[in-house]
Amino acid sequence: MAGTAERMASNQKQVAISEFFEKNKHFLGFDSLTRSLITAVKEAVDNSLDACEEARILPEIKIQITKLDGKKDIIELKSEDNGPGIPKKSIEKVFGQLLFGSRFHAIRQSRGQQGIGITGVVMYCQLTTGRKTHVRSKIATETSAAIVDIGLDTRKNKATKSGEGRELWELPDGTLKEHGLEITAQMKAKYQRGRQSVYQYLRMTSIVNPHADITFIDPDGETYHWPRVTERLPRKVESIKPHPHGIHLGTLQRMCVESTDSRMTVFLRNNFSGVSSRAAKELLAAAEIEEKAKPKLLKPDHYRALLEAFQGERMLNEKPVKLLNPPTNCLSPIEELLIKKGLSKTIDSRYV
């Protein structure tokens, strides 16, 4: 029996996150040929909108879909924007490494957060056509654009590259592109019209992003254009600290263990939103934790007691500790006027 146990244990291997998604691509939205195309377009557009807004650039996005082989459902997707572009050294990580991103640990409103989306598109294209995704990126401080074909080594969760180089990015009017990103990807997918279609997705996206200029060229060569109706960018969002009402026990424990603060009152004020000096002292009193205690030296019972104080289960003078509301500058709501302007792109203005 001992030999059997050792043999079974030796067969166990750690699976890379990219290898897992390769076998479970439906988790990323690639569960049918029709939805796969919409997912790929969505990931490209989301990245473009987020990049432009973060760089405070009014977005200009162009999506083109071409049928390469109708019988085998092979489609080419080309996405172009006028965003800040990506430095050459970062392209392979952005497009060829799952869970690589800048927003996962930030508490703020954004379209993409996990660092999976566009790399998932690269992986799906490679899985269904065997082809790499062509990327062209131009940043404002360089005269030429970087080009590279990106694939994904799913066992190592690492990019594979070929065709690296540089070229001048010339626009149809003969001028040179100042900055932006272009992605050309071939995948097995189906283009369809109707409610669940790329056209409808882009149409709805233009409504809720009235500051964006979006152009779509469908497989038949027909062009649809949704011009921007406002020059005003959405309010810039800021990252905020977690609020005690939304924290989990395991997260609280990890924060305490990793903390370098010398005392609990400082820890609570520095690491949470909505916690004033008064609230910090009252929370500790309710949890029966000394104010001078070091966060990393707390015991398991202390974590649970503090969490219960956060949630109002442990009270002080028979009342839950009152906390300030979290700040709202992590959100960027669309104003009523801009919604109406966005709707006017696609609906007769008499009915808006």
Protein backbone atom coordinates (compact mmCIF):
# COMPACT_ATOMS: atom_id res chain seq x y z
CA MET A 1 0.00 0.00 0.00
CA ALA A 2 2.87 2.35 0.78
CA GLY A 3 4.21 1.89 -2.75
CA THR A 4 0.79 2.62 -4.22
CA ALA A 5 0.46 5.83 -2.22
CA GLU A 6 3.90 6.99 -3.33
CA ARG A 7 3.11 6.19 -6.97
CA MET A 8 -0.18 8.08 -6.79
CA ALA A 9 1.53 11.05 -5.14
CA SER A 10 4.24 11.13 -7.82
CA ASN A 11 1.58 11.46 -10.53
CA GLN A 12 0.21 14.67 -9.06
CA LYS A 13 1.33 17.82 -10.83
CA GLN A 14 0.65 21.50 -10.47
CA VAL A 15 -1.35 22.92 -13.38
CA ALA A 16 -0.45 26.34 -14.77
CA ILE A 17 -3.35 28.81 -14.83
CA SER A 18 -3.00 29.19 -18.60
CA GLU A 19 -3.08 25.41 -19.07
CA PHE A 20 -6.26 25.25 -17.00
CA PHE A 21 -7.99 27.89 -19.12
CA GLU A 22 -6.79 26.19 -22.29
CA LYS A 23 -8.87 23.15 -21.33
CA ASN A 24 -11.71 25.24 -19.87
CA LYS A 25 -11.96 28.11 -22.33
CA HIS A 26 -15.70 28.41 -21.70
CA PHE A 27 -14.85 30.08 -18.38
CA LEU A 28 -13.44 32.98 -20.41
CA GLY A 29 -16.51 33.32 -22.63
CA PHE A 30 -15.34 31.15 -25.52
CA ASP A 31 -18.09 28.55 -25.22
CA SER A 32 -19.57 28.82 -28.73
CA LEU A 33 -18.39 30.10 -32.10
CA THR A 34 -20.80 33.03 -32.02
CA ARG A 35 -20.07 34.09 -28.47
CA SER A 36 -16.32 33.65 -28.95
CA LEU A 37 -16.26 36.46 -31.52
CA ILE A 38 -18.30 38.80 -29.32
CA THR A 39 -16.04 38.00 -26.36
CA ALA A 40 -12.91 38.76 -28.40
CA VAL A 41 -14.35 42.08 -29.61
CA LYS A 42 -15.44 43.00 -26.10
CA GLU A 43 -12.01 42.34 -24.62
CA ALA A 44 -10.30 44.44 -27.29
CA VAL A 45 -12.77 47.32 -26.95
CA ASP A 46 -12.68 47.26 -23.14
CA ASN A 47 -8.89 47.48 -23.20
CA SER A 48 -9.00 50.38 -25.65
CA LEU A 49 -11.57 52.34 -23.65
CA ASP A 50 -9.77 51.81 -20.34
CA ALA A 51 -6.37 52.73 -21.80
CA CYS A 52 -7.71 55.89 -23.43
CA GLU A 53 -9.57 57.03 -20.33
CA GLU A 54 -6.58 56.39 -18.08
CA ALA A 55 -4.38 58.42 -20.45
CA ARG A 56 -7.15 61.09 -20.74
CA ILE A 57 -7.48 60.58 -24.50
CA LEU A 58 -10.81 60.76 -26.34
CA PRO A 59 -11.15 57.20 -27.75
CA GLU A 60 -11.24 56.45 -31.45
CA ILE A 61 -11.83 52.73 -31.96
CA LYS A 62 -12.08 50.80 -35.21
CA ILE A 63 -13.21 47.18 -35.41
CA GLN A 64 -13.03 45.19 -38.64
CA ILE A 65 -14.15 41.60 -39.12
CA THR A 66 -13.20 39.61 -42.21
CA LYS A 67 -14.26 36.08 -43.14
CA LEU A 68 -11.14 34.21 -44.27
CA ASP A 69 -12.77 30.80 -44.73
CA GLY A 70 -16.55 30.63 -44.51
CA LYS A 71 -16.67 26.83 -44.67
CA LYS A 72 -14.29 26.41 -41.74
CA ASP A 73 -15.58 29.47 -39.83
CA ILE A 74 -12.18 31.17 -39.77
CA ILE A 75 -12.49 34.89 -39.04
CA GLU A 76 -9.96 37.69 -38.77
CA LEU A 77 -10.56 40.37 -36.16
CA LYS A 78 -8.70 43.65 -36.39
CA SER A 79 -8.97 46.20 -33.60
CA GLU A 80 -7.32 49.62 -33.70
CA ASP A 81 -7.37 52.50 -31.23
CA ASN A 82 -5.67 55.82 -30.58
CA GLY A 83 -4.69 55.02 -27.00
CA PRO A 84 -1.27 55.59 -25.47
CA GLY A 85 0.07 52.34 -26.90
CA ILE A 86 2.18 49.77 -25.07
CA PRO A 87 5.99 49.94 -24.76
CA LYS A 88 7.66 47.15 -26.71
CA LYS A 89 9.10 45.45 -23.63
CA SER A 90 5.63 45.17 -22.06
CA ILE A 91 3.75 43.75 -25.06
CA GLU A 92 4.65 40.13 -24.35
CA LYS A 93 3.38 40.34 -20.76
CA VAL A 94 0.16 42.17 -21.61
CA PHE A 95 -0.79 39.76 -24.41
CA GLY A 96 1.05 36.59 -23.45
CA GLN A 97 0.69 36.16 -19.71
CA LEU A 98 -2.54 35.43 -17.87
CA LEU A 99 -3.21 37.33 -14.63
CA PHE A 100 -0.86 40.14 -15.63
CA GLY A 101 -2.45 43.55 -15.11
CA SER A 102 -2.49 46.75 -13.11
CA ARG A 103 -6.05 46.71 -11.78
CA PHE A 104 -6.48 43.45 -9.87
CA HIS A 105 -5.46 44.88 -6.48
CA ALA A 106 -7.07 48.27 -7.06
CA ILE A 107 -10.53 49.00 -5.68
CA ARG A 108 -11.99 51.22 -8.38
CA GLN A 109 -14.38 51.03 -11.30
CA SER A 110 -12.86 49.57 -14.45
CA ARG A 111 -13.99 47.36 -17.32
CA GLY A 112 -11.19 44.81 -16.97
CA GLN A 113 -9.61 43.75 -13.72
CA GLN A 114 -8.28 40.21 -13.64
CA GLY A 115 -5.62 40.48 -16.33
CA ILE A 116 -7.13 37.58 -18.29
CA GLY A 117 -9.21 39.05 -21.12
CA ILE A 118 -6.96 39.92 -24.05
CA THR A 119 -4.53 37.09 -23.26
CA GLY A 120 -7.53 34.77 -23.39
CA VAL A 121 -8.16 35.99 -26.93
CA VAL A 122 -4.54 35.24 -27.89
CA MET A 123 -4.89 31.76 -26.38
CA TYR A 124 -8.21 31.06 -28.13
CA CYS A 125 -6.82 32.11 -31.51
CA GLN A 126 -3.79 29.87 -31.03
CA LEU A 127 -5.99 26.99 -29.90
CA THR A 128 -8.44 27.15 -32.82
CA THR A 129 -6.24 28.24 -35.74
CA GLY A 130 -2.68 27.61 -34.57
CA ARG A 131 -1.82 31.21 -35.41
CA LYS A 132 -0.27 33.91 -33.27
CA THR A 133 -1.84 37.32 -32.74
CA HIS A 134 -0.19 40.22 -34.55
CA VAL A 135 0.32 43.33 -32.42
CA ARG A 136 1.37 46.77 -33.59
CA SER A 137 1.99 49.39 -30.92
CA LYS A 138 3.05 53.02 -31.19
CA ILE A 139 3.85 55.23 -28.21
CA ALA A 140 4.19 59.00 -28.48
CA THR A 141 7.88 59.14 -27.56
CA GLU A 142 8.99 56.88 -30.44
CA THR A 143 9.00 57.59 -34.16
CA SER A 144 8.14 54.06 -35.30
CA ALA A 145 5.73 51.37 -34.15
CA ALA A 146 6.77 48.08 -32.57
CA ILE A 147 5.39 44.95 -34.23
CA VAL A 148 5.39 41.39 -32.93
CA ASP A 149 3.47 38.13 -33.30
CA ILE A 150 2.42 36.87 -29.88
CA GLY A 151 1.47 33.35 -28.81
CA LEU A 152 1.13 31.69 -25.43
CA ASP A 153 3.08 28.83 -23.89
CA THR A 154 0.26 27.47 -21.74
CA ARG A 155 2.49 25.20 -19.67
CA LYS A 156 4.66 28.10 -18.54
CA ASN A 157 2.06 30.91 -18.78
CA LYS A 158 4.59 32.80 -20.85
CA ALA A 159 4.51 34.53 -24.22
CA THR A 160 6.07 33.10 -27.35
CA LYS A 161 7.24 35.70 -29.86
CA SER A 162 8.17 35.89 -33.51
CA GLY A 163 8.34 38.48 -36.25
CA GLU A 164 9.62 41.24 -33.98
CA GLY A 165 10.49 44.52 -35.64
CA ARG A 166 9.63 48.16 -36.12
CA GLU A 167 7.83 50.03 -38.87
CA LEU A 168 6.34 53.42 -39.64
CA TRP A 169 2.59 53.38 -39.00
CA GLU A 170 1.07 55.31 -41.85
CA LEU A 171 -2.60 56.27 -41.79
CA PRO A 172 -4.87 56.24 -44.88
CA ASP A 173 -4.47 60.03 -45.24
CA GLY A 174 -0.69 59.69 -45.47
CA THR A 175 0.10 61.00 -41.98
CA LEU A 176 1.92 58.97 -39.36
CA LYS A 177 0.10 57.54 -36.37
CA GLU A 178 1.04 59.43 -33.22
CA HIS A 179 0.10 56.72 -30.73
CA GLY A 180 -2.17 53.71 -30.58
CA LEU A 181 -2.52 49.96 -30.69
CA GLU A 182 -3.62 47.52 -33.37
CA ILE A 183 -4.41 43.84 -32.85
CA THR A 184 -4.96 41.37 -35.69
CA ALA A 185 -6.21 37.95 -34.62
CA GLN A 186 -7.46 34.94 -36.55
CA MET A 187 -9.87 32.61 -34.80
CA LYS A 188 -12.55 30.03 -35.35
CA ALA A 189 -15.79 31.93 -34.85
CA LYS A 190 -19.11 32.81 -36.45
CA TYR A 191 -20.42 36.24 -37.28
CA GLN A 192 -24.15 36.65 -36.95
CA ARG A 193 -26.60 39.51 -37.02
CA GLY A 194 -29.40 40.20 -34.59
CA ARG A 195 -29.62 40.91 -30.88
CA GLN A 196 -26.62 38.81 -29.83
CA SER A 197 -24.16 40.25 -32.33
CA VAL A 198 -21.00 42.30 -32.57
CA TYR A 199 -23.00 45.12 -34.16
CA GLN A 200 -25.41 45.30 -31.23
CA TYR A 201 -22.59 45.12 -28.69
CA LEU A 202 -20.74 48.02 -30.33
CA ARG A 203 -23.98 49.98 -30.69
CA MET A 204 -24.74 49.61 -26.98
CA THR A 205 -21.12 50.39 -26.10
CA SER A 206 -21.36 53.65 -28.04
CA ILE A 207 -24.47 54.63 -26.07
CA VAL A 208 -22.84 54.23 -22.65
CA ASN A 209 -19.59 55.78 -23.89
CA PRO A 210 -20.77 59.00 -25.58
CA HIS A 211 -17.19 60.32 -25.56
CA ALA A 212 -16.01 57.47 -27.83
CA ASP A 213 -15.86 57.43 -31.62
CA ILE A 214 -16.48 53.85 -32.81
CA THR A 215 -16.29 52.50 -36.36
CA PHE A 216 -17.27 48.96 -37.34
CA ILE A 217 -16.68 47.25 -40.69
CA ASP A 218 -18.60 43.98 -40.96
CA PRO A 219 -17.64 40.92 -43.07
CA ASP A 220 -19.71 42.24 -46.00
CA GLY A 221 -17.66 45.43 -46.05
CA GLU A 222 -20.48 47.60 -44.70
CA THR A 223 -19.29 50.41 -42.43
CA TYR A 224 -21.12 51.59 -39.32
CA HIS A 225 -20.00 54.72 -37.52
CA TRP A 226 -21.05 55.97 -34.11
CA PRO A 227 -19.41 59.40 -33.65
CA ARG A 228 -18.70 60.85 -30.24
CA VAL A 229 -21.31 63.31 -29.03
CA THR A 230 -19.30 64.92 -26.26
CA GLU A 231 -15.71 66.04 -25.84
CA ARG A 232 -15.86 65.46 -22.10
CA LEU A 233 -14.11 62.40 -20.73
CA PRO A 234 -15.61 60.47 -17.80
CA ARG A 235 -14.43 61.53 -14.38
CA LYS A 236 -11.09 60.00 -13.52
CA VAL A 237 -11.50 57.31 -10.88
CA GLU A 238 -9.21 56.85 -7.91
CA SER A 239 -8.28 53.68 -6.07
CA ILE A 240 -9.60 53.47 -2.53
CA LYS A 241 -8.82 51.37 0.52
CA PRO A 242 -11.14 48.52 1.49
CA HIS A 243 -14.04 49.36 3.79
CA PRO A 244 -14.49 47.32 7.00
CA HIS A 245 -18.03 46.33 6.00
CA GLY A 246 -16.73 44.53 2.91
CA ILE A 247 -13.75 42.68 4.34
CA HIS A 248 -13.44 38.91 4.78
CA LEU A 249 -11.78 37.09 7.66
CA GLY A 250 -8.97 35.64 5.55
CA THR A 251 -8.24 39.02 3.96
CA LEU A 252 -8.12 40.70 7.36
CA GLN A 253 -5.75 38.04 8.66
CA ARG A 254 -3.43 38.44 5.66
CA MET A 255 -3.43 42.24 6.01
CA CYS A 256 -2.48 41.96 9.67
CA VAL A 257 0.29 39.43 9.05
CA GLU A 258 1.79 41.55 6.24
CA SER A 259 1.45 44.85 8.11
CA THR A 260 4.48 46.83 9.23
CA ASP A 261 2.43 49.20 11.42
CA SER A 262 3.54 49.43 15.03
CA ARG A 263 0.07 49.52 16.61
CA MET A 264 -3.49 48.58 15.77
CA THR A 265 -4.90 52.11 15.74
CA VAL A 266 -2.41 53.09 13.04
CA PHE A 267 -3.15 49.88 11.12
CA LEU A 268 -6.88 50.54 11.03
CA ARG A 269 -6.52 54.16 9.94
CA ASN A 270 -3.89 53.45 7.29
CA ASN A 271 -5.44 50.39 5.68
CA PHE A 272 -9.19 51.00 5.68
CA SER A 273 -11.48 53.70 4.38
CA GLY A 274 -14.18 55.07 6.64
CA VAL A 275 -12.18 54.54 9.85
CA SER A 276 -11.47 57.70 11.83
CA SER A 277 -9.24 57.88 14.91
CA ARG A 278 -12.35 57.66 17.08
CA ALA A 279 -13.72 54.68 15.16
CA ALA A 280 -10.38 52.86 15.32
CA LYS A 281 -10.29 53.10 19.11
CA GLU A 282 -13.93 52.06 19.44
CA LEU A 283 -13.50 49.08 17.12
CA LEU A 284 -10.55 47.85 19.17
CA ALA A 285 -12.46 48.36 22.41
CA ALA A 286 -15.42 46.39 21.04
CA ALA A 287 -13.08 43.60 19.91
CA GLU A 288 -11.20 43.70 23.24
CA ILE A 289 -7.85 44.31 21.53
CA GLU A 290 -5.26 46.67 22.98
CA GLU A 291 -4.60 49.81 20.96
CA LYS A 292 -0.84 49.30 21.24
CA ALA A 293 -0.98 45.70 19.98
CA LYS A 294 1.06 44.96 16.85
CA PRO A 295 -1.10 43.73 13.93
CA LYS A 296 1.25 40.89 12.97
CA LEU A 297 1.20 39.51 16.54
CA LEU A 298 -2.57 39.12 16.79
CA LYS A 299 -4.05 35.70 17.51
CA PRO A 300 -6.80 33.97 15.47
CA ASP A 301 -9.45 34.91 18.06
CA HIS A 302 -8.49 38.56 17.64
CA TYR A 303 -9.11 38.47 13.88
CA ARG A 304 -12.60 37.09 14.35
CA ALA A 305 -13.40 39.54 17.16
CA LEU A 306 -12.26 42.48 15.04
CA LEU A 307 -14.28 41.28 12.07
CA GLU A 308 -17.35 41.00 14.29
CA ALA A 309 -16.74 44.57 15.44
CA PHE A 310 -16.51 45.63 11.78
CA GLN A 311 -19.86 44.00 11.06
CA GLY A 312 -21.60 45.40 14.13
CA GLU A 313 -21.94 42.02 15.84
CA ARG A 314 -19.69 43.19 18.67
CA MET A 315 -20.93 46.47 20.08
CA LEU A 316 -19.66 49.24 22.30
CA ASN A 317 -22.13 50.53 24.89
CA GLU A 318 -24.78 48.35 23.19
CA LYS A 319 -24.33 50.20 19.89
CA PRO A 320 -22.38 49.20 16.79
CA VAL A 321 -19.34 51.33 16.03
CA LYS A 322 -20.28 54.03 13.54
CA LEU A 323 -18.07 54.14 10.45
CA LEU A 324 -17.87 56.69 7.67
CA ASN A 325 -19.18 55.72 4.25
CA PRO A 326 -16.52 54.76 1.69
CA PRO A 327 -15.52 57.54 -0.74
CA THR A 328 -17.27 57.55 -4.11
CA ASN A 329 -14.37 58.84 -6.21
CA CYS A 330 -13.68 55.21 -7.19
CA LEU A 331 -16.81 55.36 -9.38
CA SER A 332 -17.44 57.15 -12.64
CA PRO A 333 -21.20 57.34 -13.16
CA ILE A 334 -22.64 58.48 -16.49
CA GLU A 335 -24.57 61.72 -16.14
CA GLU A 336 -28.15 61.93 -17.37
CA LEU A 337 -27.26 64.44 -20.09
CA LEU A 338 -24.49 62.21 -21.44
CA ILE A 339 -26.80 59.19 -21.45
CA LYS A 340 -29.28 61.18 -23.55
CA LYS A 341 -26.50 62.22 -25.91
CA GLY A 342 -25.36 58.62 -26.17
CA LEU A 343 -28.87 57.42 -26.94
CA SER A 344 -29.19 60.08 -29.63
CA LYS A 345 -26.48 58.23 -31.60
CA THR A 346 -28.79 55.34 -32.37
CA ILE A 347 -32.32 56.49 -31.52
CA ASP A 348 -34.37 59.29 -33.05
CA SER A 349 -33.74 62.31 -30.81
CA ARG A 350 -37.49 62.98 -30.61
CA TYR A 351 -37.85 59.89 -28.43
CA VAL A 352 -34.88 60.51 -26.11
